Each structure stands twice: as structure tokens, then as C-alpha cells.
C-alpha atoms as a PDB file:
ATOM      1  CA  MET A   1      61.567  68.419 -51.414  1.00  0.00           C
ATOM      2  CA  THR A   2      59.918  70.641 -54.000  1.00  0.00           C
ATOM      3  CA  VAL A   3      58.759  69.470 -57.416  1.00  0.00           C
ATOM      4  CA  SER A   4      61.774  71.113 -59.059  1.00  0.00           C
ATOM      5  CA  GLU A   5      64.175  69.466 -56.586  1.00  0.00           C
ATOM      6  CA  LEU A   6      62.455  66.143 -57.166  1.00  0.00           C
ATOM      7  CA  SER A   7      62.795  66.562 -60.941  1.00  0.00           C
ATOM      8  CA  GLU A   8      66.476  67.387 -60.521  1.00  0.00           C
ATOM      9  CA  ALA A   9      66.991  64.283 -58.372  1.00  0.00           C
ATOM     10  CA  ILE A  10      65.276  62.163 -61.036  1.00  0.00           C
ATOM     11  CA  ARG A  11      67.598  63.553 -63.707  1.00  0.00           C
ATOM     12  CA  GLU A  12      70.606  62.723 -61.526  1.00  0.00           C
ATOM     13  CA  ILE A  13      69.388  59.171 -60.924  1.00  0.00           C
ATOM     14  CA  GLU A  14      68.740  58.673 -64.640  1.00  0.00           C
ATOM     15  CA  ALA A  15      72.300  59.847 -65.354  1.00  0.00           C
ATOM     16  CA  ARG A  16      73.626  57.311 -62.843  1.00  0.00           C
ATOM     17  CA  VAL A  17      71.594  54.555 -64.495  1.00  0.00           C
ATOM     18  CA  LYS A  18      73.095  55.447 -67.874  1.00  0.00           C
ATOM     19  CA  ALA A  19      76.606  55.474 -66.401  1.00  0.00           C
ATOM     20  CA  ASN A  20      76.217  52.149 -64.597  1.00  0.00           C
ATOM     21  CA  PRO A  21      72.979  50.277 -65.362  1.00  0.00           C
ATOM     22  CA  LYS A  22      73.819  47.402 -63.005  1.00  0.00           C
ATOM     23  CA  THR A  23      73.842  49.543 -59.864  1.00  0.00           C
ATOM     24  CA  PRO A  24      71.632  47.818 -57.272  1.00  0.00           C
ATOM     25  CA  ASN A  25      68.333  49.435 -56.223  1.00  0.00           C
ATOM     26  CA  VAL A  26      68.654  52.335 -58.672  1.00  0.00           C
ATOM     27  CA  ARG A  27      65.693  51.281 -60.797  1.00  0.00           C
ATOM     28  CA  ASP A  28      63.497  50.841 -57.703  1.00  0.00           C
ATOM     29  CA  CYS A  29      64.607  54.229 -56.432  1.00  0.00           C
ATOM     30  CA  LEU A  30      63.873  55.822 -59.791  1.00  0.00           C
ATOM     31  CA  ALA A  31      60.394  54.264 -59.858  1.00  0.00           C
ATOM     32  CA  ARG A  32      59.641  55.606 -56.365  1.00  0.00           C
ATOM     33  CA  PHE A  33      60.827  59.083 -57.328  1.00  0.00           C
ATOM     34  CA  HIS A  34      58.657  59.060 -60.471  1.00  0.00           C
ATOM     35  CA  ALA A  35      55.633  57.912 -58.439  1.00  0.00           C
ATOM     36  CA  GLU A  36      56.216  60.677 -55.897  1.00  0.00           C
ATOM     37  CA  LEU A  37      56.578  63.273 -58.669  1.00  0.00           C
ATOM     38  CA  ASN A  38      53.298  62.158 -60.265  1.00  0.00           C
ATOM     39  CA  ARG A  39      51.567  62.221 -56.878  1.00  0.00           C
ATOM     40  CA  ARG A  40      52.827  65.723 -56.169  1.00  0.00           C
ATOM     41  CA  LYS A  41      51.651  67.025 -59.533  1.00  0.00           C
ATOM     42  CA  THR A  42      48.080  65.983 -58.725  1.00  0.00           C
ATOM     43  CA  GLU A  43      47.984  66.743 -55.000  1.00  0.00           C
ATOM     44  CA  THR A  44      45.574  69.280 -53.570  1.00  0.00           C
ATOM     45  CA  HIS A  45      46.327  72.080 -51.149  1.00  0.00           C
ATOM     46  CA  GLU A  46      44.932  69.953 -48.306  1.00  0.00           C
ATOM     47  CA  ASP A  47      47.267  67.089 -49.232  1.00  0.00           C
ATOM     48  CA  ARG A  48      50.252  69.422 -49.095  1.00  0.00           C
ATOM     49  CA  VAL A  49      49.165  70.855 -45.724  1.00  0.00           C
ATOM     50  CA  TRP A  50      48.736  67.336 -44.295  1.00  0.00           C
ATOM     51  CA  ARG A  51      52.175  66.297 -45.573  1.00  0.00           C
ATOM     52  CA  MET A  52      53.804  69.388 -44.050  1.00  0.00           C
ATOM     53  CA  LYS A  53      52.025  68.873 -40.707  1.00  0.00           C
ATOM     54  CA  SER A  54      53.178  65.259 -40.616  1.00  0.00           C
ATOM     55  CA  ARG A  55      56.745  66.313 -41.350  1.00  0.00           C
ATOM     56  CA  LEU A  56      56.678  68.983 -38.616  1.00  0.00           C
ATOM     57  CA  ALA A  57      55.272  66.499 -36.087  1.00  0.00           C
ATOM     58  CA  TRP A  58      58.080  64.080 -36.941  1.00  0.00           C
ATOM     59  CA  GLU A  59      60.695  66.845 -36.590  1.00  0.00           C
ATOM     60  CA  PHE A  60      59.346  67.909 -33.183  1.00  0.00           C
ATOM     61  CA  ALA A  61      59.295  64.307 -31.969  1.00  0.00           C
ATOM     62  CA  GLN A  62      62.939  63.858 -33.010  1.00  0.00           C
ATOM     63  CA  GLU A  63      63.941  67.081 -31.242  1.00  0.00           C
ATOM     64  CA  LYS A  64      62.156  65.916 -28.096  1.00  0.00           C
ATOM     65  CA  ILE A  65      64.009  62.580 -28.195  1.00  0.00           C
ATOM     66  CA  GLU A  66      67.353  64.328 -28.684  1.00  0.00           C
ATOM     67  CA  ALA A  67      66.659  66.789 -25.852  1.00  0.00           C
ATOM     68  CA  ALA A  68      65.741  63.934 -23.506  1.00  0.00           C
ATOM     69  CA  GLN A  69      68.952  62.109 -24.371  1.00  0.00           C
ATOM     70  CA  LYS A  70      71.015  65.130 -23.346  1.00  0.00           C
ATOM     71  CA  ARG A  71      69.531  65.090 -19.832  1.00  0.00           C
ATOM     72  CA  PRO A  72      71.614  62.646 -17.766  1.00  0.00           C
ATOM     73  CA  ASP A  73      68.750  61.866 -15.371  1.00  0.00           C
ATOM     74  CA  SER A  74      66.303  60.808 -18.079  1.00  0.00           C
ATOM     75  CA  TYR A  75      65.559  57.237 -19.080  1.00  0.00           C
ATOM     76  CA  CYS A  76      66.129  58.188 -22.740  1.00  0.00           C
ATOM     77  CA  ALA A  77      69.724  59.124 -21.966  1.00  0.00           C
ATOM     78  CA  GLN A  78      70.400  55.535 -20.975  1.00  0.00           C
ATOM     79  CA  LYS A  79      69.277  53.970 -24.266  1.00  0.00           C
ATOM     80  CA  PRO A  80      70.276  54.643 -27.885  1.00  0.00           C
ATOM     81  CA  ALA A  81      68.161  56.863 -30.120  1.00  0.00           C
ATOM     82  CA  GLN A  82      65.467  55.235 -32.195  1.00  0.00           C
ATOM     83  CA  ARG A  83      65.166  56.564 -35.723  1.00  0.00           C
ATOM     84  CA  TYR A  84      62.100  55.818 -37.760  1.00  0.00           C
END
């Protein structure tokens, strides 16, 4: 999620809070989004590279799990997928 997408999501959450302030978990969600936005504004190039590498590693691991589940002879095909 880019900084502009994150800002847009924050605006949407704030609109939901105004519409229904008693919605559960919205204030916690909004606080996490604000913290992430502040962190992203001050992150270095190395921080961004590390975050992208971590995301790619997670994506490849998920693809590997899904590919193993499609093979009927694999152990992974016999158990449900684990999402982290």
C-alpha cells in the first residue's frame, strides 16, 4: 500500500467513524493506520527494500503452499492451508 493509498484508507475510516462512532475496532484500526503512515513518512530506502523483500518472501511461500496442495501425492494436499 502506497502512502497515498494509506492516506485514502485513513480518510475512509475517519468517515466511517463520523457515520457510526460506536463501530467496534474502528478506533484501534485508525490508530494503527496513522502509526503506519507516520512510519512510512520517515522510513529510509533500506527500510522500504526490507519491507518489499519480506512481502515477496511471504508471497512466494504462499504460492509454494498452494502448489503443494494441488499435488495429490503431497502431504500438504492432505491438510488444510495455514494462513499467517
